Amino acid sequence: MRQTSILRALRLPHWLLLGAGAAYVVGMAGLLPSPHDVLAWFANRPEVGDAFSDPQFGRADALILVFSTLFLGPLAVVCGVVLVIFLLAVLGGVVLPVVRWFSLPDWTATLLVVIALTLAAWAESRVWLPPSLWFLGLIARAYRVILT
């Protein structure tokens, strides 16, 4: 009789449940800040401090931004995932002959490309991180304006 390890028997729902349980335990232990604290930190960032402060149209602008983000956000995520998969396929195809020349498994080409893309994203974080934090702060500020 073949024996399989418990880790090989786990499927995606098991891993999601395990991850959610671990996040719950870590959150209850106080090792992570509460979502309210994170939202307040983003909403109080200085670059978005005066956003949506117009007395006549501030709340309407905030509502439009939150609705647009919730409506168009999944489309942007899908486009980003497709772009990353396309980059992995193209760059993996470029690296694959070199990997085969060294008699390595084909999956090492994908691993090398993922490592290279991760290092490139980390090296260029000064380009994409400030606008991302600004946008998250703007969304948090809009959410706060809508609820108050």
N, C-alpha and C. Protein backbone atom coordinates (compact mmCIF):
# COMPACT_ATOMS: atom_id res chain seq x y z
N MET A 1 0.84 -1.17 0.00
CA MET A 1 0.00 0.00 0.00
C MET A 1 0.89 1.24 0.00
N ARG A 2 0.58 2.18 -0.90
CA ARG A 2 1.35 3.40 -0.95
C ARG A 2 0.89 4.35 0.13
N GLN A 3 1.84 4.94 0.77
CA GLN A 3 1.51 5.93 1.78
C GLN A 3 1.85 7.31 1.23
N THR A 4 0.95 8.24 1.44
CA THR A 4 1.21 9.62 1.02
C THR A 4 1.32 10.48 2.25
N SER A 5 2.12 11.49 2.14
CA SER A 5 2.26 12.39 3.28
C SER A 5 1.02 13.27 3.38
N ILE A 6 0.82 13.82 4.55
CA ILE A 6 -0.36 14.65 4.79
C ILE A 6 -0.30 15.93 3.96
N LEU A 7 0.90 16.44 3.70
CA LEU A 7 1.01 17.67 2.92
C LEU A 7 0.65 17.44 1.45
N ARG A 8 0.91 16.28 0.92
CA ARG A 8 0.55 15.99 -0.47
C ARG A 8 -0.95 15.74 -0.60
N ALA A 9 -1.61 15.36 0.46
CA ALA A 9 -3.04 15.08 0.39
C ALA A 9 -3.89 16.35 0.49
N LEU A 10 -3.29 17.45 0.94
CA LEU A 10 -4.05 18.69 1.08
C LEU A 10 -4.28 19.33 -0.28
N ARG A 11 -5.49 19.79 -0.51
CA ARG A 11 -5.86 20.48 -1.74
C ARG A 11 -6.07 21.96 -1.44
N LEU A 12 -6.42 22.72 -2.47
CA LEU A 12 -6.58 24.16 -2.33
C LEU A 12 -7.54 24.57 -1.21
N PRO A 13 -8.74 23.97 -1.09
CA PRO A 13 -9.62 24.37 0.02
C PRO A 13 -8.99 24.12 1.39
N HIS A 14 -8.23 23.04 1.50
CA HIS A 14 -7.56 22.78 2.78
C HIS A 14 -6.53 23.85 3.09
N TRP A 15 -5.73 24.24 2.08
CA TRP A 15 -4.72 25.27 2.28
C TRP A 15 -5.35 26.61 2.61
N LEU A 16 -6.48 26.94 1.93
CA LEU A 16 -7.16 28.20 2.23
C LEU A 16 -7.70 28.21 3.65
N LEU A 17 -8.29 27.09 4.08
CA LEU A 17 -8.79 27.00 5.43
C LEU A 17 -7.67 27.06 6.45
N LEU A 18 -6.56 26.41 6.16
CA LEU A 18 -5.40 26.46 7.05
C LEU A 18 -4.84 27.87 7.14
N GLY A 19 -4.76 28.57 6.00
CA GLY A 19 -4.26 29.95 6.00
C GLY A 19 -5.19 30.89 6.73
N ALA A 20 -6.50 30.72 6.54
CA ALA A 20 -7.47 31.57 7.25
C ALA A 20 -7.42 31.32 8.75
N GLY A 21 -7.27 30.07 9.13
CA GLY A 21 -7.15 29.76 10.56
C GLY A 21 -5.89 30.35 11.17
N ALA A 22 -4.78 30.26 10.44
CA ALA A 22 -3.53 30.84 10.93
C ALA A 22 -3.64 32.36 11.04
N ALA A 23 -4.27 33.00 10.05
CA ALA A 23 -4.45 34.45 10.10
C ALA A 23 -5.34 34.84 11.28
N TYR A 24 -6.36 34.05 11.56
CA TYR A 24 -7.24 34.33 12.68
C TYR A 24 -6.50 34.22 14.01
N VAL A 25 -5.69 33.17 14.15
CA VAL A 25 -4.93 32.98 15.38
C VAL A 25 -3.92 34.11 15.57
N VAL A 26 -3.23 34.48 14.50
CA VAL A 26 -2.25 35.57 14.58
C VAL A 26 -2.94 36.88 14.91
N GLY A 27 -4.10 37.12 14.31
CA GLY A 27 -4.85 38.34 14.61
C GLY A 27 -5.37 38.39 16.03
N MET A 28 -5.85 37.25 16.53
CA MET A 28 -6.35 37.22 17.90
C MET A 28 -5.23 37.34 18.92
N ALA A 29 -4.03 36.89 18.54
CA ALA A 29 -2.89 37.01 19.45
C ALA A 29 -2.37 38.43 19.52
N GLY A 30 -2.82 39.30 18.63
CA GLY A 30 -2.40 40.68 18.64
C GLY A 30 -1.08 40.93 17.93
N LEU A 31 -0.64 39.98 17.12
CA LEU A 31 0.61 40.15 16.39
C LEU A 31 0.44 41.02 15.15
N LEU A 32 -0.77 41.13 14.65
CA LEU A 32 -1.06 41.98 13.50
C LEU A 32 -2.00 43.09 13.94
N PRO A 33 -1.89 44.28 13.33
CA PRO A 33 -2.85 45.33 13.67
C PRO A 33 -4.23 45.00 13.12
N SER A 34 -5.23 45.58 13.74
CA SER A 34 -6.60 45.32 13.30
C SER A 34 -6.84 46.03 11.96
N PRO A 35 -7.81 45.56 11.18
CA PRO A 35 -8.11 46.23 9.91
C PRO A 35 -8.50 47.69 10.09
N HIS A 36 -9.14 48.02 11.20
CA HIS A 36 -9.50 49.41 11.48
C HIS A 36 -8.25 50.27 11.64
N ASP A 37 -7.23 49.75 12.31
CA ASP A 37 -5.98 50.49 12.48
C ASP A 37 -5.25 50.67 11.16
N VAL A 38 -5.27 49.65 10.33
CA VAL A 38 -4.62 49.75 9.01
C VAL A 38 -5.34 50.77 8.14
N LEU A 39 -6.68 50.75 8.16
CA LEU A 39 -7.47 51.70 7.40
C LEU A 39 -7.20 53.12 7.88
N ALA A 40 -7.12 53.31 9.18
CA ALA A 40 -6.84 54.64 9.72
C ALA A 40 -5.44 55.10 9.33
N TRP A 41 -4.46 54.20 9.33
CA TRP A 41 -3.10 54.58 8.94
C TRP A 41 -3.05 55.04 7.49
N PHE A 42 -3.72 54.31 6.60
CA PHE A 42 -3.75 54.71 5.19
C PHE A 42 -4.52 56.01 4.99
N ALA A 43 -5.64 56.18 5.68
CA ALA A 43 -6.47 57.37 5.50
C ALA A 43 -5.80 58.62 6.06
N ASN A 44 -4.90 58.47 7.02
CA ASN A 44 -4.24 59.62 7.64
C ASN A 44 -2.89 59.94 7.03
N ARG A 45 -2.56 59.34 5.91
CA ARG A 45 -1.29 59.66 5.24
C ARG A 45 -1.31 61.12 4.80
N PRO A 46 -0.20 61.83 4.91
CA PRO A 46 -0.20 63.27 4.62
C PRO A 46 -0.54 63.61 3.17
N GLU A 47 -0.20 62.77 2.22
CA GLU A 47 -0.47 63.11 0.82
C GLU A 47 -1.94 63.02 0.45
N VAL A 48 -2.77 62.40 1.28
CA VAL A 48 -4.20 62.33 1.00
C VAL A 48 -5.02 63.04 2.08
N GLY A 49 -4.36 63.85 2.88
CA GLY A 49 -5.04 64.51 3.99
C GLY A 49 -6.13 65.46 3.57
N ASP A 50 -5.98 66.12 2.43
CA ASP A 50 -7.00 67.09 2.00
C ASP A 50 -7.90 66.56 0.89
N ALA A 51 -7.84 65.28 0.62
CA ALA A 51 -8.70 64.69 -0.42
C ALA A 51 -10.14 64.63 0.06
N PHE A 52 -11.04 64.89 -0.83
CA PHE A 52 -12.48 64.83 -0.58
C PHE A 52 -12.92 65.80 0.51
N SER A 53 -12.27 66.95 0.59
CA SER A 53 -12.62 67.94 1.62
C SER A 53 -13.58 68.99 1.11
N ASP A 54 -13.96 68.93 -0.15
CA ASP A 54 -14.92 69.88 -0.71
C ASP A 54 -16.28 69.64 -0.05
N PRO A 55 -16.89 70.70 0.54
CA PRO A 55 -18.16 70.48 1.25
C PRO A 55 -19.32 70.07 0.35
N GLN A 56 -19.29 70.46 -0.93
CA GLN A 56 -20.41 70.14 -1.81
C GLN A 56 -20.24 68.80 -2.54
N PHE A 57 -19.04 68.55 -3.02
CA PHE A 57 -18.86 67.37 -3.88
C PHE A 57 -17.88 66.35 -3.32
N GLY A 58 -17.37 66.55 -2.13
CA GLY A 58 -16.38 65.63 -1.57
C GLY A 58 -16.93 64.23 -1.37
N ARG A 59 -18.10 64.15 -0.80
CA ARG A 59 -18.70 62.83 -0.54
C ARG A 59 -19.07 62.12 -1.85
N ALA A 60 -19.57 62.87 -2.82
CA ALA A 60 -19.92 62.27 -4.12
C ALA A 60 -18.66 61.78 -4.84
N ASP A 61 -17.59 62.56 -4.78
CA ASP A 61 -16.33 62.13 -5.40
C ASP A 61 -15.81 60.87 -4.74
N ALA A 62 -15.91 60.80 -3.42
CA ALA A 62 -15.46 59.61 -2.70
C ALA A 62 -16.29 58.39 -3.10
N LEU A 63 -17.58 58.57 -3.22
CA LEU A 63 -18.46 57.46 -3.60
C LEU A 63 -18.15 56.98 -5.03
N ILE A 64 -17.90 57.91 -5.93
CA ILE A 64 -17.56 57.54 -7.30
C ILE A 64 -16.24 56.79 -7.34
N LEU A 65 -15.25 57.24 -6.56
CA LEU A 65 -13.96 56.56 -6.54
C LEU A 65 -14.08 55.14 -5.99
N VAL A 66 -14.80 54.97 -4.90
CA VAL A 66 -14.94 53.64 -4.31
C VAL A 66 -15.71 52.72 -5.26
N PHE A 67 -16.79 53.22 -5.85
CA PHE A 67 -17.56 52.40 -6.79
C PHE A 67 -16.72 52.03 -8.01
N SER A 68 -16.00 52.99 -8.56
CA SER A 68 -15.16 52.71 -9.74
C SER A 68 -14.07 51.71 -9.42
N THR A 69 -13.48 51.82 -8.25
CA THR A 69 -12.43 50.89 -7.86
C THR A 69 -13.00 49.49 -7.66
N LEU A 70 -14.14 49.38 -7.02
CA LEU A 70 -14.74 48.07 -6.83
C LEU A 70 -15.21 47.46 -8.14
N PHE A 71 -15.63 48.31 -9.08
CA PHE A 71 -16.13 47.81 -10.36
C PHE A 71 -14.99 47.46 -11.32
N LEU A 72 -13.97 48.31 -11.38
CA LEU A 72 -12.88 48.12 -12.35
C LEU A 72 -11.67 47.42 -11.76
N GLY A 73 -11.61 47.28 -10.44
CA GLY A 73 -10.47 46.63 -9.80
C GLY A 73 -10.25 45.20 -10.24
N PRO A 74 -11.29 44.37 -10.27
CA PRO A 74 -11.08 42.99 -10.74
C PRO A 74 -10.57 42.91 -12.18
N LEU A 75 -11.03 43.81 -13.03
CA LEU A 75 -10.53 43.83 -14.41
C LEU A 75 -9.04 44.18 -14.43
N ALA A 76 -8.63 45.13 -13.61
CA ALA A 76 -7.21 45.50 -13.54
C ALA A 76 -6.38 44.35 -13.00
N VAL A 77 -6.89 43.61 -12.02
CA VAL A 77 -6.17 42.47 -11.47
C VAL A 77 -6.02 41.38 -12.53
N VAL A 78 -7.08 41.12 -13.28
CA VAL A 78 -7.00 40.10 -14.34
C VAL A 78 -5.99 40.52 -15.40
N CYS A 79 -5.99 41.79 -15.78
CA CYS A 79 -5.02 42.27 -16.77
C CYS A 79 -3.59 42.13 -16.24
N GLY A 80 -3.38 42.44 -14.97
CA GLY A 80 -2.06 42.29 -14.38
C GLY A 80 -1.60 40.85 -14.33
N VAL A 81 -2.51 39.94 -13.97
CA VAL A 81 -2.16 38.52 -13.93
C VAL A 81 -1.84 38.00 -15.32
N VAL A 82 -2.62 38.42 -16.32
CA VAL A 82 -2.35 37.99 -17.70
C VAL A 82 -1.01 38.53 -18.17
N LEU A 83 -0.68 39.76 -17.81
CA LEU A 83 0.62 40.34 -18.18
C LEU A 83 1.77 39.57 -17.54
N VAL A 84 1.64 39.23 -16.26
CA VAL A 84 2.69 38.47 -15.59
C VAL A 84 2.84 37.08 -16.21
N ILE A 85 1.73 36.43 -16.51
CA ILE A 85 1.81 35.10 -17.15
C ILE A 85 2.45 35.21 -18.53
N PHE A 86 2.12 36.25 -19.27
CA PHE A 86 2.73 36.46 -20.59
C PHE A 86 4.23 36.68 -20.46
N LEU A 87 4.64 37.51 -19.49
CA LEU A 87 6.08 37.73 -19.27
C LEU A 87 6.78 36.44 -18.86
N LEU A 88 6.14 35.65 -17.99
CA LEU A 88 6.74 34.37 -17.61
C LEU A 88 6.89 33.44 -18.81
N ALA A 89 5.91 33.42 -19.68
CA ALA A 89 5.97 32.53 -20.84
C ALA A 89 7.05 32.98 -21.82
N VAL A 90 7.10 34.27 -22.09
CA VAL A 90 8.09 34.77 -23.05
C VAL A 90 9.50 34.63 -22.51
N LEU A 91 9.72 35.11 -21.29
CA LEU A 91 11.07 35.04 -20.72
C LEU A 91 11.46 33.60 -20.40
N GLY A 92 10.50 32.78 -20.03
CA GLY A 92 10.79 31.36 -19.81
C GLY A 92 11.20 30.67 -21.09
N GLY A 93 10.57 31.06 -22.21
CA GLY A 93 10.96 30.51 -23.51
C GLY A 93 12.35 30.94 -23.93
N VAL A 94 12.76 32.13 -23.50
CA VAL A 94 14.11 32.60 -23.80
C VAL A 94 15.14 31.85 -22.97
N VAL A 95 14.83 31.59 -21.72
CA VAL A 95 15.77 30.95 -20.80
C VAL A 95 15.79 29.43 -20.98
N LEU A 96 14.72 28.86 -21.52
CA LEU A 96 14.59 27.41 -21.62
C LEU A 96 15.72 26.72 -22.39
N PRO A 97 16.17 27.23 -23.52
CA PRO A 97 17.29 26.55 -24.20
C PRO A 97 18.58 26.53 -23.37
N VAL A 98 18.82 27.59 -22.62
CA VAL A 98 20.01 27.63 -21.77
C VAL A 98 19.90 26.60 -20.65
N VAL A 99 18.70 26.48 -20.09
CA VAL A 99 18.48 25.51 -19.01
C VAL A 99 18.64 24.09 -19.55
N ARG A 100 18.11 23.84 -20.73
CA ARG A 100 18.25 22.50 -21.32
C ARG A 100 19.70 22.20 -21.70
N TRP A 101 20.45 23.23 -22.07
CA TRP A 101 21.85 23.04 -22.41
C TRP A 101 22.65 22.56 -21.20
N PHE A 102 22.24 23.04 -20.00
CA PHE A 102 22.88 22.60 -18.76
C PHE A 102 22.26 21.32 -18.21
N SER A 103 21.34 20.72 -18.94
CA SER A 103 20.65 19.47 -18.56
C SER A 103 19.90 19.60 -17.24
N LEU A 104 19.27 20.74 -17.04
CA LEU A 104 18.45 20.97 -15.85
C LEU A 104 16.99 20.74 -16.22
N PRO A 105 16.14 20.50 -15.22
CA PRO A 105 14.70 20.33 -15.51
C PRO A 105 14.11 21.62 -16.07
N ASP A 106 13.02 21.48 -16.82
CA ASP A 106 12.40 22.63 -17.47
C ASP A 106 11.84 23.64 -16.47
N TRP A 107 11.40 23.16 -15.30
CA TRP A 107 10.80 24.07 -14.33
C TRP A 107 11.82 25.05 -13.76
N THR A 108 13.11 24.77 -13.89
CA THR A 108 14.11 25.72 -13.39
C THR A 108 14.12 27.00 -14.22
N ALA A 109 13.71 26.92 -15.49
CA ALA A 109 13.62 28.13 -16.31
C ALA A 109 12.55 29.06 -15.73
N THR A 110 11.41 28.50 -15.38
CA THR A 110 10.35 29.31 -14.79
C THR A 110 10.79 29.87 -13.44
N LEU A 111 11.46 29.05 -12.66
CA LEU A 111 11.95 29.52 -11.36
C LEU A 111 12.94 30.66 -11.52
N LEU A 112 13.85 30.56 -12.47
CA LEU A 112 14.82 31.63 -12.70
C LEU A 112 14.13 32.92 -13.15
N VAL A 113 13.12 32.80 -14.00
CA VAL A 113 12.40 33.98 -14.46
C VAL A 113 11.61 34.62 -13.32
N VAL A 114 10.98 33.80 -12.47
CA VAL A 114 10.25 34.34 -11.32
C VAL A 114 11.20 35.06 -10.38
N ILE A 115 12.36 34.48 -10.12
CA ILE A 115 13.34 35.13 -9.26
C ILE A 115 13.82 36.43 -9.88
N ALA A 116 14.07 36.44 -11.19
CA ALA A 116 14.53 37.65 -11.86
C ALA A 116 13.46 38.74 -11.83
N LEU A 117 12.20 38.38 -12.08
CA LEU A 117 11.12 39.38 -12.03
C LEU A 117 10.91 39.91 -10.62
N THR A 118 11.04 39.05 -9.62
CA THR A 118 10.90 39.49 -8.23
C THR A 118 12.02 40.45 -7.86
N LEU A 119 13.24 40.13 -8.24
CA LEU A 119 14.36 41.03 -7.95
C LEU A 119 14.22 42.35 -8.70
N ALA A 120 13.73 42.31 -9.92
CA ALA A 120 13.51 43.55 -10.68
C ALA A 120 12.43 44.41 -10.02
N ALA A 121 11.36 43.79 -9.57
CA ALA A 121 10.29 44.55 -8.89
C ALA A 121 10.80 45.14 -7.59
N TRP A 122 11.62 44.40 -6.86
CA TRP A 122 12.18 44.92 -5.61
C TRP A 122 13.16 46.06 -5.88
N ALA A 123 13.97 45.92 -6.92
CA ALA A 123 14.95 46.97 -7.24
C ALA A 123 14.26 48.25 -7.71
N GLU A 124 13.14 48.13 -8.36
CA GLU A 124 12.41 49.30 -8.85
C GLU A 124 11.23 49.68 -7.96
N SER A 125 11.27 49.30 -6.71
CA SER A 125 10.14 49.59 -5.81
C SER A 125 9.97 51.09 -5.58
N ARG A 126 11.03 51.87 -5.74
CA ARG A 126 10.89 53.32 -5.57
C ARG A 126 10.02 53.93 -6.67
N VAL A 127 9.82 53.20 -7.77
CA VAL A 127 9.00 53.69 -8.87
C VAL A 127 7.53 53.38 -8.63
N TRP A 128 7.20 52.17 -8.19
CA TRP A 128 5.79 51.76 -8.11
C TRP A 128 5.23 51.80 -6.70
N LEU A 129 6.06 51.80 -5.66
CA LEU A 129 5.53 51.75 -4.30
C LEU A 129 4.87 53.06 -3.84
N PRO A 130 5.48 54.25 -4.04
CA PRO A 130 4.79 55.47 -3.59
C PRO A 130 3.43 55.71 -4.25
N PRO A 131 3.29 55.52 -5.57
CA PRO A 131 1.94 55.68 -6.12
C PRO A 131 0.94 54.65 -5.60
N SER A 132 1.42 53.45 -5.32
CA SER A 132 0.52 52.42 -4.78
C SER A 132 0.05 52.79 -3.38
N LEU A 133 0.97 53.28 -2.54
CA LEU A 133 0.58 53.70 -1.20
C LEU A 133 -0.35 54.91 -1.25
N TRP A 134 -0.09 55.82 -2.19
CA TRP A 134 -0.97 56.97 -2.34
C TRP A 134 -2.37 56.53 -2.73
N PHE A 135 -2.49 55.58 -3.67
CA PHE A 135 -3.81 55.12 -4.10
C PHE A 135 -4.53 54.39 -2.98
N LEU A 136 -3.82 53.55 -2.23
CA LEU A 136 -4.45 52.87 -1.09
C LEU A 136 -4.92 53.88 -0.04
N GLY A 137 -4.12 54.92 0.19
CA GLY A 137 -4.52 55.97 1.11
C GLY A 137 -5.74 56.72 0.61
N LEU A 138 -5.80 56.96 -0.70
CA LEU A 138 -6.95 57.65 -1.27
C LEU A 138 -8.22 56.81 -1.14
N ILE A 139 -8.11 55.52 -1.37
CA ILE A 139 -9.26 54.63 -1.21
C ILE A 139 -9.71 54.59 0.25
N ALA A 140 -8.75 54.49 1.17
CA ALA A 140 -9.10 54.48 2.60
C ALA A 140 -9.75 55.79 3.02
N ARG A 141 -9.24 56.91 2.50
CA ARG A 141 -9.82 58.21 2.82
C ARG A 141 -11.24 58.31 2.26
N ALA A 142 -11.46 57.82 1.04
CA ALA A 142 -12.79 57.85 0.44
C ALA A 142 -13.76 56.97 1.23
N TYR A 143 -13.30 55.81 1.65
CA TYR A 143 -14.13 54.92 2.45
C TYR A 143 -14.52 55.59 3.77
N ARG A 144 -13.56 56.27 4.38
CA ARG A 144 -13.84 56.97 5.64
C ARG A 144 -14.82 58.11 5.44
N VAL A 145 -14.68 58.86 4.34
CA VAL A 145 -15.59 59.98 4.05
C VAL A 145 -17.00 59.46 3.81
N ILE A 146 -17.12 58.34 3.11
CA ILE A 146 -18.45 57.79 2.83
C ILE A 146 -19.13 57.34 4.12
N LEU A 147 -18.38 56.72 5.02
CA LEU A 147 -18.99 56.19 6.24
C LEU A 147 -19.26 57.24 7.31
N THR A 148 -18.61 58.40 7.22
CA THR A 148 -18.85 59.42 8.24
C THR A 148 -19.77 60.50 7.75
